[in-house]
Amino acid sequence: MAGKSVQLPADRPVETIDVAIVGSGPAGISTALHLVQRDPAWAGRMVVIDKAVHPRDKLCGGGVTHLGQNVLARLGLSLEPT
């Protein structure tokens, strides 16, 4: 959907979106996860917007440094398959 407009569903009008996070990379997704962990009600009041379609073939997106793994662990996430 890169470069295309996406219409929000009618049952979720724009007025209910309090936070728009631009970019679904590590910073954007970490911000979204942090907000939802602090208050689960944020899940229904935010939208994450990205110009790219995910998953995508991008080599740098496949690697996570040790520091990144520590950040993921603090967010309650793991890279281990479940």
C-alpha atoms as a PDB file:
ATOM      1  CA  MET A   1       0.000   0.000   0.000  1.00  0.00           C
ATOM      2  CA  ALA A   2       2.982   2.298  -0.164  1.00  0.00           C
ATOM      3  CA  GLY A   3       1.944   5.588  -1.691  1.00  0.00           C
ATOM      4  CA  LYS A   4      -1.776   4.834  -1.459  1.00  0.00           C
ATOM      5  CA  SER A   5      -4.415   6.288   0.821  1.00  0.00           C
ATOM      6  CA  VAL A   6      -6.101   3.985   3.295  1.00  0.00           C
ATOM      7  CA  GLN A   7      -9.523   4.876   4.629  1.00  0.00           C
ATOM      8  CA  LEU A   8     -10.228   4.153   8.284  1.00  0.00           C
ATOM      9  CA  PRO A   9     -13.211   1.873   8.901  1.00  0.00           C
ATOM     10  CA  ALA A  10     -16.530   3.635   9.501  1.00  0.00           C
ATOM     11  CA  ASP A  11     -16.784   2.142  13.006  1.00  0.00           C
ATOM     12  CA  ARG A  12     -13.553   3.916  13.983  1.00  0.00           C
ATOM     13  CA  PRO A  13     -13.951   7.582  13.105  1.00  0.00           C
ATOM     14  CA  VAL A  14     -10.933   9.872  13.060  1.00  0.00           C
ATOM     15  CA  GLU A  15     -12.160  11.627  16.216  1.00  0.00           C
ATOM     16  CA  THR A  16     -11.242   8.547  18.272  1.00  0.00           C
ATOM     17  CA  ILE A  17      -7.560   8.657  17.288  1.00  0.00           C
ATOM     18  CA  ASP A  18      -5.605  10.546  19.938  1.00  0.00           C
ATOM     19  CA  VAL A  19      -2.098   9.562  18.830  1.00  0.00           C
ATOM     20  CA  ALA A  20      -0.670   9.102  15.340  1.00  0.00           C
ATOM     21  CA  ILE A  21       2.773   7.512  15.257  1.00  0.00           C
ATOM     22  CA  VAL A  22       4.523   8.102  11.952  1.00  0.00           C
ATOM     23  CA  GLY A  23       6.905   5.283  11.081  1.00  0.00           C
ATOM     24  CA  SER A  24       6.636   1.634  12.033  1.00  0.00           C
ATOM     25  CA  GLY A  25      10.355   1.091  12.474  1.00  0.00           C
ATOM     26  CA  PRO A  26      11.957   0.294  15.828  1.00  0.00           C
ATOM     27  CA  ALA A  27      11.277   3.749  17.310  1.00  0.00           C
ATOM     28  CA  GLY A  28       7.646   3.928  16.196  1.00  0.00           C
ATOM     29  CA  ILE A  29       6.710   0.405  17.217  1.00  0.00           C
ATOM     30  CA  SER A  30       8.583   0.732  20.537  1.00  0.00           C
ATOM     31  CA  THR A  31       6.642   3.912  21.260  1.00  0.00           C
ATOM     32  CA  ALA A  32       3.337   2.200  20.465  1.00  0.00           C
ATOM     33  CA  LEU A  33       4.207  -0.832  22.605  1.00  0.00           C
ATOM     34  CA  HIS A  34       5.314   1.370  25.499  1.00  0.00           C
ATOM     35  CA  LEU A  35       2.055   3.337  25.445  1.00  0.00           C
ATOM     36  CA  VAL A  36      -0.085   0.179  25.345  1.00  0.00           C
ATOM     37  CA  GLN A  37       1.896  -1.436  28.158  1.00  0.00           C
ATOM     38  CA  ARG A  38       1.439   1.648  30.341  1.00  0.00           C
ATOM     39  CA  ASP A  39      -2.279   1.840  29.567  1.00  0.00           C
ATOM     40  CA  PRO A  40      -3.986  -0.813  27.384  1.00  0.00           C
ATOM     41  CA  ALA A  41      -6.694   1.725  26.468  1.00  0.00           C
ATOM     42  CA  TRP A  42      -4.144   3.380  24.157  1.00  0.00           C
ATOM     43  CA  ALA A  43      -4.493   0.420  21.769  1.00  0.00           C
ATOM     44  CA  GLY A  44      -7.870   1.680  20.646  1.00  0.00           C
ATOM     45  CA  ARG A  45      -6.815   5.324  20.476  1.00  0.00           C
ATOM     46  CA  MET A  46      -3.713   5.263  18.285  1.00  0.00           C
ATOM     47  CA  VAL A  47      -2.691   4.497  14.754  1.00  0.00           C
ATOM     48  CA  VAL A  48       0.770   3.660  13.394  1.00  0.00           C
ATOM     49  CA  ILE A  49       1.351   4.971   9.881  1.00  0.00           C
ATOM     50  CA  ASP A  50       4.122   3.842   7.544  1.00  0.00           C
ATOM     51  CA  LYS A  51       4.757   4.350   3.850  1.00  0.00           C
ATOM     52  CA  ALA A  52       6.186   0.830   3.469  1.00  0.00           C
ATOM     53  CA  VAL A  53       4.355  -2.467   3.301  1.00  0.00           C
ATOM     54  CA  HIS A  54       5.452  -4.984   5.928  1.00  0.00           C
ATOM     55  CA  PRO A  55       6.941  -7.513   5.988  1.00  0.00           C
ATOM     56  CA  ARG A  56       9.357  -6.454   3.299  1.00  0.00           C
ATOM     57  CA  ASP A  57      12.679  -7.610   1.893  1.00  0.00           C
ATOM     58  CA  LYS A  58      15.154  -5.307   3.584  1.00  0.00           C
ATOM     59  CA  LEU A  59      18.342  -6.838   4.928  1.00  0.00           C
ATOM     60  CA  CYS A  60      18.973  -4.271   7.649  1.00  0.00           C
ATOM     61  CA  GLY A  61      15.530  -5.030   9.061  1.00  0.00           C
ATOM     62  CA  GLY A  62      16.619  -8.587   9.854  1.00  0.00           C
ATOM     63  CA  GLY A  63      19.346  -7.737  12.339  1.00  0.00           C
ATOM     64  CA  VAL A  64      18.970  -6.608  15.929  1.00  0.00           C
ATOM     65  CA  THR A  65      21.969  -5.515  17.982  1.00  0.00           C
ATOM     66  CA  HIS A  66      22.571  -6.549  21.591  1.00  0.00           C
ATOM     67  CA  LEU A  67      21.364  -3.119  22.718  1.00  0.00           C
ATOM     68  CA  GLY A  68      18.219  -3.601  20.637  1.00  0.00           C
ATOM     69  CA  GLN A  69      17.635  -6.992  22.244  1.00  0.00           C
ATOM     70  CA  ASN A  70      17.870  -5.358  25.672  1.00  0.00           C
ATOM     71  CA  VAL A  71      15.291  -2.753  24.666  1.00  0.00           C
ATOM     72  CA  LEU A  72      12.980  -5.500  23.384  1.00  0.00           C
ATOM     73  CA  ALA A  73      13.412  -7.415  26.651  1.00  0.00           C
ATOM     74  CA  ARG A  74      12.419  -4.315  28.657  1.00  0.00           C
ATOM     75  CA  LEU A  75       9.297  -4.102  26.490  1.00  0.00           C
ATOM     76  CA  GLY A  76       8.525  -7.722  27.359  1.00  0.00           C
ATOM     77  CA  LEU A  77       9.401  -9.016  23.887  1.00  0.00           C
ATOM     78  CA  SER A  78      11.752 -11.746  22.742  1.00  0.00           C
ATOM     79  CA  LEU A  79      13.292 -12.697  19.429  1.00  0.00           C
ATOM     80  CA  GLU A  80      12.954 -16.373  20.283  1.00  0.00           C
ATOM     81  CA  PRO A  81      10.295 -18.245  18.283  1.00  0.00           C
ATOM     82  CA  THR A  82       7.242 -19.326  20.236  1.00  0.00           C
END
